Structures are given as structure tokens and as C-alpha cells.
Amino acid sequence: MRRFILFRIKDVTGVSGTGVVAEGTVFSDGLSVIHWLREPYAMGVYQTLNDVIAVHGHEGGTQLRFIDEGEMTQIPQGGSE
């Protein structure tokens, strides 16, 4: 498993705000789960990490950063692991 955060640079919807807005995990089979850190504190389950990026990437306005490699690693918008 790999842990990550979603760091929102620009909030195009005006809902989630900016900064660290969610945390998540990618499981060994690619299944990805995110947990929102702001109301309504929802959780989402996605088949792949690319699905998370496609839905919540906000066209580059959100960065996905892994936190288990000792230093942050950013996945480019629309990129893959």
C-alpha cells in the first residue's frame, strides 16, 4: 500500500478549499481510496489512481503527492504511476 495526499492549488468549485484536502491509499491491486479532510468528510473508492486524478485533479489544480517514499513524489496530472 502507498499513502498519498491531495493538495489543492486552486479550488475551481469553491467547495473543498486549498491546501491538503484529502488523504488516501493505493492498494497493491491499484484500488484507491480517498478520505476528505473537510466537511462532509466523505470517502471515495476508485478502481485506479488514474480515476482519482481524472475526477479530482481539476485540470492540474490538484497535486497527488505520495508520502511513503521518504520525500514527496508528485504524479503529473493525467499521468500514471
C-alpha atoms as a PDB file:
ATOM      1  CA  MET A   1       0.000   0.000   0.000  1.00  0.00           C
ATOM      2  CA  ARG A   2       1.069   3.569  -0.655  1.00  0.00           C
ATOM      3  CA  ARG A   3      -0.327   6.585   1.135  1.00  0.00           C
ATOM      4  CA  PHE A   4      -0.898   9.933  -0.561  1.00  0.00           C
ATOM      5  CA  ILE A   5      -2.436  13.343  -0.071  1.00  0.00           C
ATOM      6  CA  LEU A   6      -4.403  15.523  -2.462  1.00  0.00           C
ATOM      7  CA  PHE A   7      -3.012  19.053  -2.359  1.00  0.00           C
ATOM      8  CA  ARG A   8      -5.392  21.547  -3.952  1.00  0.00           C
ATOM      9  CA  ILE A   9      -3.617  24.529  -5.516  1.00  0.00           C
ATOM     10  CA  LYS A  10      -6.790  26.113  -6.897  1.00  0.00           C
ATOM     11  CA  ASP A  11     -10.350  25.300  -5.868  1.00  0.00           C
ATOM     12  CA  VAL A  12     -12.307  25.737  -9.096  1.00  0.00           C
ATOM     13  CA  THR A  13     -15.582  24.583  -7.493  1.00  0.00           C
ATOM     14  CA  GLY A  14     -15.372  26.678  -4.332  1.00  0.00           C
ATOM     15  CA  VAL A  15     -16.223  23.610  -2.242  1.00  0.00           C
ATOM     16  CA  SER A  16     -13.109  21.882  -0.917  1.00  0.00           C
ATOM     17  CA  GLY A  17     -10.754  24.817  -0.435  1.00  0.00           C
ATOM     18  CA  THR A  18      -6.994  24.795  -0.983  1.00  0.00           C
ATOM     19  CA  GLY A  19      -4.050  23.045   0.647  1.00  0.00           C
ATOM     20  CA  VAL A  20      -4.266  19.432   1.824  1.00  0.00           C
ATOM     21  CA  VAL A  21      -7.893  18.481   1.187  1.00  0.00           C
ATOM     22  CA  ALA A  22      -7.816  14.669   1.247  1.00  0.00           C
ATOM     23  CA  GLU A  23      -5.655  11.695   2.144  1.00  0.00           C
ATOM     24  CA  GLY A  24      -5.684   8.304   0.541  1.00  0.00           C
ATOM     25  CA  THR A  25      -4.247   4.879  -0.053  1.00  0.00           C
ATOM     26  CA  VAL A  26      -3.446   2.920  -3.196  1.00  0.00           C
ATOM     27  CA  PHE A  27      -3.670  -0.827  -2.628  1.00  0.00           C
ATOM     28  CA  SER A  28      -1.445  -3.407  -4.335  1.00  0.00           C
ATOM     29  CA  ASP A  29      -4.121  -4.172  -6.948  1.00  0.00           C
ATOM     30  CA  GLY A  30      -4.499  -0.470  -7.848  1.00  0.00           C
ATOM     31  CA  LEU A  31      -7.746   0.131  -5.942  1.00  0.00           C
ATOM     32  CA  SER A  32      -7.596   3.641  -4.473  1.00  0.00           C
ATOM     33  CA  VAL A  33      -9.475   5.115  -1.519  1.00  0.00           C
ATOM     34  CA  ILE A  34      -9.643   8.784  -0.578  1.00  0.00           C
ATOM     35  CA  HIS A  35     -10.879  10.410   2.605  1.00  0.00           C
ATOM     36  CA  TRP A  36     -11.832  14.095   2.514  1.00  0.00           C
ATOM     37  CA  LEU A  37     -10.481  16.203   5.377  1.00  0.00           C
ATOM     38  CA  ARG A  38     -13.236  18.804   5.175  1.00  0.00           C
ATOM     39  CA  GLU A  39     -16.995  18.586   5.511  1.00  0.00           C
ATOM     40  CA  PRO A  40     -18.807  16.416   4.711  1.00  0.00           C
ATOM     41  CA  TYR A  41     -15.750  14.163   5.368  1.00  0.00           C
ATOM     42  CA  ALA A  42     -16.794  11.682   2.693  1.00  0.00           C
ATOM     43  CA  MET A  43     -14.812   8.711   1.406  1.00  0.00           C
ATOM     44  CA  GLY A  44     -14.490   7.507  -2.166  1.00  0.00           C
ATOM     45  CA  VAL A  45     -13.354   4.212  -3.674  1.00  0.00           C
ATOM     46  CA  TYR A  46     -11.891   4.156  -7.204  1.00  0.00           C
ATOM     47  CA  GLN A  47     -10.687   1.305  -9.418  1.00  0.00           C
ATOM     48  CA  THR A  48      -7.386   3.056 -10.201  1.00  0.00           C
ATOM     49  CA  LEU A  49      -5.299   6.010  -9.127  1.00  0.00           C
ATOM     50  CA  ASN A  50      -5.831   7.483 -12.591  1.00  0.00           C
ATOM     51  CA  ASP A  51      -9.572   7.521 -11.825  1.00  0.00           C
ATOM     52  CA  VAL A  52      -8.882   9.610  -8.711  1.00  0.00           C
ATOM     53  CA  ILE A  53      -6.817  12.042 -10.777  1.00  0.00           C
ATOM     54  CA  ALA A  54      -9.420  12.191 -13.554  1.00  0.00           C
ATOM     55  CA  VAL A  55     -12.227  13.030 -11.110  1.00  0.00           C
ATOM     56  CA  HIS A  56     -10.421  15.233  -8.584  1.00  0.00           C
ATOM     57  CA  GLY A  57      -7.421  16.621 -10.479  1.00  0.00           C
ATOM     58  CA  HIS A  58      -9.271  19.787 -11.511  1.00  0.00           C
ATOM     59  CA  GLU A  59      -7.180  20.073 -14.710  1.00  0.00           C
ATOM     60  CA  GLY A  60      -3.894  20.469 -12.837  1.00  0.00           C
ATOM     61  CA  GLY A  61      -5.355  22.396  -9.895  1.00  0.00           C
ATOM     62  CA  THR A  62      -4.721  19.447  -7.572  1.00  0.00           C
ATOM     63  CA  GLN A  63      -1.484  17.599  -6.926  1.00  0.00           C
ATOM     64  CA  LEU A  64      -1.313  13.999  -5.792  1.00  0.00           C
ATOM     65  CA  ARG A  65       1.697  13.533  -3.515  1.00  0.00           C
ATOM     66  CA  PHE A  66       2.893  10.198  -2.166  1.00  0.00           C
ATOM     67  CA  ILE A  67       4.102  10.345   1.433  1.00  0.00           C
ATOM     68  CA  ASP A  68       5.687   6.924   1.995  1.00  0.00           C
ATOM     69  CA  GLU A  69       8.853   7.302  -0.073  1.00  0.00           C
ATOM     70  CA  GLY A  70      10.656   9.486   2.446  1.00  0.00           C
ATOM     71  CA  GLU A  71      10.041  12.573   0.347  1.00  0.00           C
ATOM     72  CA  MET A  72       7.018  13.761  -1.562  1.00  0.00           C
ATOM     73  CA  THR A  73       6.623  12.485  -5.119  1.00  0.00           C
ATOM     74  CA  GLN A  74       4.215  14.297  -7.394  1.00  0.00           C
ATOM     75  CA  ILE A  75       2.290  12.456 -10.115  1.00  0.00           C
ATOM     76  CA  PRO A  76       1.649  14.742 -13.099  1.00  0.00           C
ATOM     77  CA  GLN A  77      -1.961  15.474 -13.969  1.00  0.00           C
ATOM     78  CA  GLY A  78      -3.267  12.617 -16.106  1.00  0.00           C
ATOM     79  CA  GLY A  79      -0.078  10.624 -15.566  1.00  0.00           C
ATOM     80  CA  SER A  80       0.335   7.137 -14.234  1.00  0.00           C
ATOM     81  CA  GLU A  81       2.445   5.586 -11.526  1.00  0.00           C
END
